[in-house]
Amino acid sequence: MVVSRDWPEISVLECILGALHIRVEVEPEPKQVPAKLAKSKIDALIVDCDLDGTTRVLGGLREQLNTVPLLIIGSPSRSRELKAAEATFIFEKPISVEQAVHKLSAARNLILNGRLRYHRHPLDLLVCVSYGRGKRLVADLLNLSQGGVAIHTDQPISLPSSVRVAFMLPGSDSKLSARGEVVWKKEGNVGIRFAEMTSRKTRDLQLWLARQYLTH
């Protein structure tokens, strides 16, 4: 989302972001930004500090924006405000194409990393869950992310907070095994967050998820 009324600068950003396959939504009214962010998820926010009201809006959104790249643009006369904004990237007007390509390409990498971190890939396979003293069950794995898994059991079962999960990544020779923590339960479905996994298995999982995300 680009918050600005500076249409020449917006045109530069739209051109480059389009080439990076990133859709752009322009919002000329800063006061409308909080409501839009509450209704839909954005990958990055680009804010024109020369537009009245943007400083106040940013102040109210600081915690919410910790999860997305924040890019600030403004005239050189506002250099102090630009530096104080604690943005991921800062542009000074007029935005050069070279400057924009460099910084927006870097922002795209952050956006992709964020998508991969929270992307849940649906799966239909079996997972072994070990817990307690030698207890284990086989459950259906519903989805998988970098942070954990969601599983389903036909019969309600009381799992302790600490478990271990193990399953094969489809199309791979890698068996994923990790200690996990049960973080939610609902009608036979259980959410398990990965708490401990070897660095090699973590890398295997990241690469597998990236391939699935980029090919679907």
Protein backbone atom coordinates (compact mmCIF):
# COMPACT_ATOMS: atom_id res chain seq x y z
CA MET A 1 0.00 0.00 0.00
CA VAL A 2 1.31 3.43 -0.99
CA VAL A 3 0.02 6.34 1.12
CA SER A 4 0.60 9.45 -0.99
CA ARG A 5 -0.86 12.07 -3.35
CA ASP A 6 2.43 12.72 -5.13
CA TRP A 7 1.42 11.14 -8.44
CA PRO A 8 4.76 11.52 -10.28
CA GLU A 9 6.52 9.66 -7.45
CA ILE A 10 3.68 7.13 -7.26
CA SER A 11 4.13 6.44 -10.98
CA VAL A 12 7.80 5.58 -10.44
CA LEU A 13 6.95 3.22 -7.59
CA GLU A 14 4.10 1.56 -9.49
CA CYS A 15 6.29 0.97 -12.53
CA ILE A 16 9.07 -0.71 -10.55
CA LEU A 17 6.80 -2.64 -8.19
CA GLY A 18 4.84 -3.91 -11.19
CA ALA A 19 8.06 -5.23 -12.72
CA LEU A 20 8.71 -7.03 -9.42
CA HIS A 21 5.22 -8.60 -9.64
CA ILE A 22 3.94 -6.70 -6.62
CA ARG A 23 0.42 -5.26 -6.81
CA VAL A 24 0.07 -1.65 -5.66
CA GLU A 25 -2.86 -0.03 -3.86
CA VAL A 26 -2.71 3.75 -3.53
CA GLU A 27 -4.40 5.43 -0.56
CA PRO A 28 -4.40 9.27 -0.74
CA GLU A 29 -6.09 9.73 2.68
CA PRO A 30 -3.89 8.83 5.69
CA LYS A 31 -6.88 8.65 8.01
CA GLN A 32 -8.25 5.73 5.98
CA VAL A 33 -5.12 3.61 6.47
CA PRO A 34 -5.91 2.09 9.93
CA ALA A 35 -9.32 0.83 8.78
CA LYS A 36 -7.88 -0.71 5.60
CA LEU A 37 -5.08 -2.43 7.49
CA ALA A 38 -7.61 -3.86 9.96
CA LYS A 39 -9.61 -5.43 7.11
CA SER A 40 -6.85 -6.89 4.98
CA LYS A 41 -3.23 -7.98 5.23
CA ILE A 42 -0.57 -6.04 3.34
CA ASP A 43 2.98 -7.08 2.50
CA ALA A 44 4.53 -3.60 2.83
CA LEU A 45 3.55 -0.01 3.57
CA ILE A 46 5.06 2.95 1.68
CA VAL A 47 4.28 6.30 3.30
CA ASP A 48 4.85 9.82 1.96
CA CYS A 49 5.80 11.92 4.99
CA ASP A 50 5.09 15.11 3.01
CA LEU A 51 1.40 14.28 3.23
CA ASP A 52 -0.33 15.89 6.23
CA GLY A 53 -1.51 13.35 8.77
CA THR A 54 0.94 10.56 7.98
CA THR A 55 3.09 11.10 11.08
CA ARG A 56 0.05 10.74 13.34
CA VAL A 57 -1.11 7.62 11.52
CA LEU A 58 2.31 5.97 11.74
CA GLY A 59 2.47 6.64 15.46
CA GLY A 60 -0.76 4.72 15.99
CA LEU A 61 0.31 1.80 13.81
CA ARG A 62 3.82 1.25 15.14
CA GLU A 63 3.19 -2.18 16.73
CA GLN A 64 1.09 -3.42 13.81
CA LEU A 65 3.80 -2.49 11.32
CA ASN A 66 6.47 -4.56 13.06
CA THR A 67 5.49 -7.50 10.84
CA VAL A 68 5.80 -5.74 7.44
CA PRO A 69 8.48 -3.62 5.75
CA LEU A 70 7.89 0.10 6.23
CA LEU A 71 9.21 2.40 3.50
CA ILE A 72 9.20 6.18 4.01
CA ILE A 73 9.48 8.80 1.28
CA GLY A 74 9.75 12.57 1.69
CA SER A 75 11.49 15.74 0.63
CA PRO A 76 15.06 16.50 1.83
CA SER A 77 13.65 19.23 4.12
CA ARG A 78 12.06 16.47 6.20
CA SER A 79 15.27 14.47 6.63
CA ARG A 80 15.00 14.61 10.42
CA GLU A 81 11.47 13.17 10.33
CA LEU A 82 12.56 10.49 7.87
CA LYS A 83 15.35 9.31 10.16
CA ALA A 84 13.10 9.40 13.22
CA ALA A 85 10.49 7.18 11.55
CA GLU A 86 12.62 4.04 12.12
CA ALA A 87 11.62 2.79 8.69
CA THR A 88 12.99 -0.31 7.00
CA PHE A 89 13.95 1.81 3.98
CA ILE A 90 14.03 5.58 3.39
CA PHE A 91 13.67 7.43 0.08
CA GLU A 92 14.35 11.13 -0.48
CA LYS A 93 12.45 12.87 -3.26
CA PRO A 94 12.79 12.97 -6.15
CA ILE A 95 13.00 9.18 -6.24
CA SER A 96 15.52 7.98 -8.80
CA VAL A 97 14.77 4.80 -10.70
CA GLU A 98 18.13 3.34 -9.66
CA GLN A 99 17.47 4.08 -5.99
CA ALA A 100 13.95 2.68 -6.17
CA VAL A 101 14.99 -0.54 -7.94
CA HIS A 102 17.71 -1.21 -5.34
CA LYS A 103 15.56 -0.59 -2.27
CA LEU A 104 12.33 -2.07 -3.58
CA SER A 105 14.16 -5.24 -4.65
CA ALA A 106 15.47 -5.56 -1.10
CA ALA A 107 11.96 -4.93 0.25
CA ARG A 108 10.63 -7.66 -2.06
CA ASN A 109 13.02 -10.15 -0.46
CA LEU A 110 11.70 -9.18 2.98
CA ILE A 111 8.14 -9.56 1.74
CA LEU A 112 8.86 -13.02 0.36
CA ASN A 113 10.55 -14.05 3.61
CA GLY A 114 7.52 -12.86 5.54
CA ARG A 115 5.14 -14.78 3.29
CA LEU A 116 7.18 -17.95 3.63
CA ARG A 117 7.42 -17.61 7.40
CA TYR A 118 3.64 -17.51 7.86
CA HIS A 119 2.54 -19.58 4.87
CA ARG A 120 0.67 -22.75 5.86
CA HIS A 121 0.93 -25.47 3.24
CA PRO A 122 -2.02 -27.90 3.27
CA LEU A 123 -1.04 -31.58 3.38
CA ASP A 124 -2.71 -34.97 3.44
CA LEU A 125 -0.33 -37.39 5.13
CA LEU A 126 0.26 -39.17 8.41
CA VAL A 127 2.32 -37.86 11.29
CA CYS A 128 3.61 -39.78 14.32
CA VAL A 129 3.16 -37.96 17.63
CA SER A 130 5.13 -39.23 20.64
CA TYR A 131 4.45 -38.09 24.20
CA GLY A 132 4.68 -39.12 27.82
CA ARG A 133 6.49 -42.36 28.64
CA GLY A 134 6.57 -44.29 25.39
CA LYS A 135 3.09 -43.22 24.24
CA ARG A 136 2.47 -42.48 20.59
CA LEU A 137 -0.34 -41.98 18.10
CA VAL A 138 -0.70 -41.61 14.35
CA ALA A 139 -2.66 -38.55 13.23
CA ASP A 140 -3.54 -36.75 10.01
CA LEU A 141 -1.31 -33.80 9.22
CA LEU A 142 -3.51 -30.90 8.01
CA ASN A 143 -1.00 -28.17 7.26
CA LEU A 144 2.65 -27.31 7.75
CA SER A 145 4.55 -24.04 8.19
CA GLN A 146 8.02 -23.01 9.31
CA GLY A 147 6.61 -22.57 12.80
CA GLY A 148 4.68 -25.79 13.27
CA VAL A 149 1.87 -28.14 12.19
CA ALA A 150 -1.85 -28.63 12.58
CA ILE A 151 -2.99 -32.24 13.03
CA HIS A 152 -6.31 -34.08 13.32
CA THR A 153 -7.20 -37.14 15.37
CA ASP A 154 -10.36 -39.19 14.81
CA GLN A 155 -10.84 -39.62 18.54
CA PRO A 156 -10.38 -36.75 21.02
CA ILE A 157 -7.20 -37.31 22.98
CA SER A 158 -5.57 -35.38 25.78
CA LEU A 159 -2.05 -34.48 24.76
CA PRO A 160 0.47 -32.95 27.18
CA SER A 161 2.02 -29.59 26.40
CA SER A 162 5.28 -31.17 25.19
CA VAL A 163 5.26 -33.70 22.32
CA ARG A 164 7.48 -34.91 19.49
CA VAL A 165 6.32 -35.11 15.88
CA ALA A 166 7.86 -37.05 12.99
CA PHE A 167 6.85 -37.38 9.31
CA MET A 168 8.28 -37.57 5.81
CA LEU A 169 8.27 -34.48 3.61
CA PRO A 170 6.44 -35.45 0.38
CA GLY A 171 8.75 -35.88 -2.59
CA SER A 172 11.78 -35.79 -0.32
CA ASP A 173 14.05 -38.29 1.40
CA SER A 174 14.09 -36.08 4.48
CA LYS A 175 12.29 -37.26 7.61
CA LEU A 176 11.30 -34.29 9.72
CA SER A 177 11.46 -34.77 13.47
CA ALA A 178 11.04 -32.07 16.09
CA ARG A 179 10.04 -31.44 19.66
CA GLY A 180 6.90 -29.38 19.77
CA GLU A 181 4.53 -27.55 22.11
CA VAL A 182 0.76 -27.90 21.91
CA VAL A 183 -0.58 -24.36 21.52
CA TRP A 184 -4.27 -24.91 20.70
CA LYS A 185 -6.94 -27.63 20.53
CA LYS A 186 -10.33 -27.55 18.79
CA GLU A 187 -12.72 -30.40 17.93
CA GLY A 188 -10.08 -33.06 17.29
CA ASN A 189 -7.65 -30.61 15.67
CA VAL A 190 -4.42 -29.71 17.46
CA GLY A 191 -1.88 -26.99 16.74
CA ILE A 192 1.73 -27.82 17.55
CA ARG A 193 4.51 -25.23 17.47
CA PHE A 194 8.04 -26.42 16.74
CA ALA A 195 10.15 -25.82 19.83
CA GLU A 196 13.34 -27.69 18.97
CA MET A 197 14.66 -28.89 15.61
CA THR A 198 18.17 -29.46 14.28
CA SER A 199 19.58 -26.75 12.01
CA ARG A 200 19.75 -29.23 9.12
CA LYS A 201 16.09 -30.21 9.47
CA THR A 202 15.11 -26.55 9.79
CA ARG A 203 16.89 -25.81 6.52
CA ASP A 204 15.28 -28.82 4.82
CA LEU A 205 11.86 -27.58 5.91
CA GLN A 206 12.50 -24.00 4.76
CA LEU A 207 13.67 -25.14 1.32
CA TRP A 208 10.76 -27.56 0.91
CA LEU A 209 8.19 -24.92 1.84
CA ALA A 210 9.82 -22.38 -0.47
CA ARG A 211 9.57 -24.81 -3.40
CA GLN A 212 5.91 -25.49 -2.68
CA TYR A 213 5.09 -21.79 -2.35
CA LEU A 214 6.87 -20.76 -5.54
CA THR A 215 5.44 -23.58 -7.67
CA HIS A 216 1.79 -23.27 -6.65
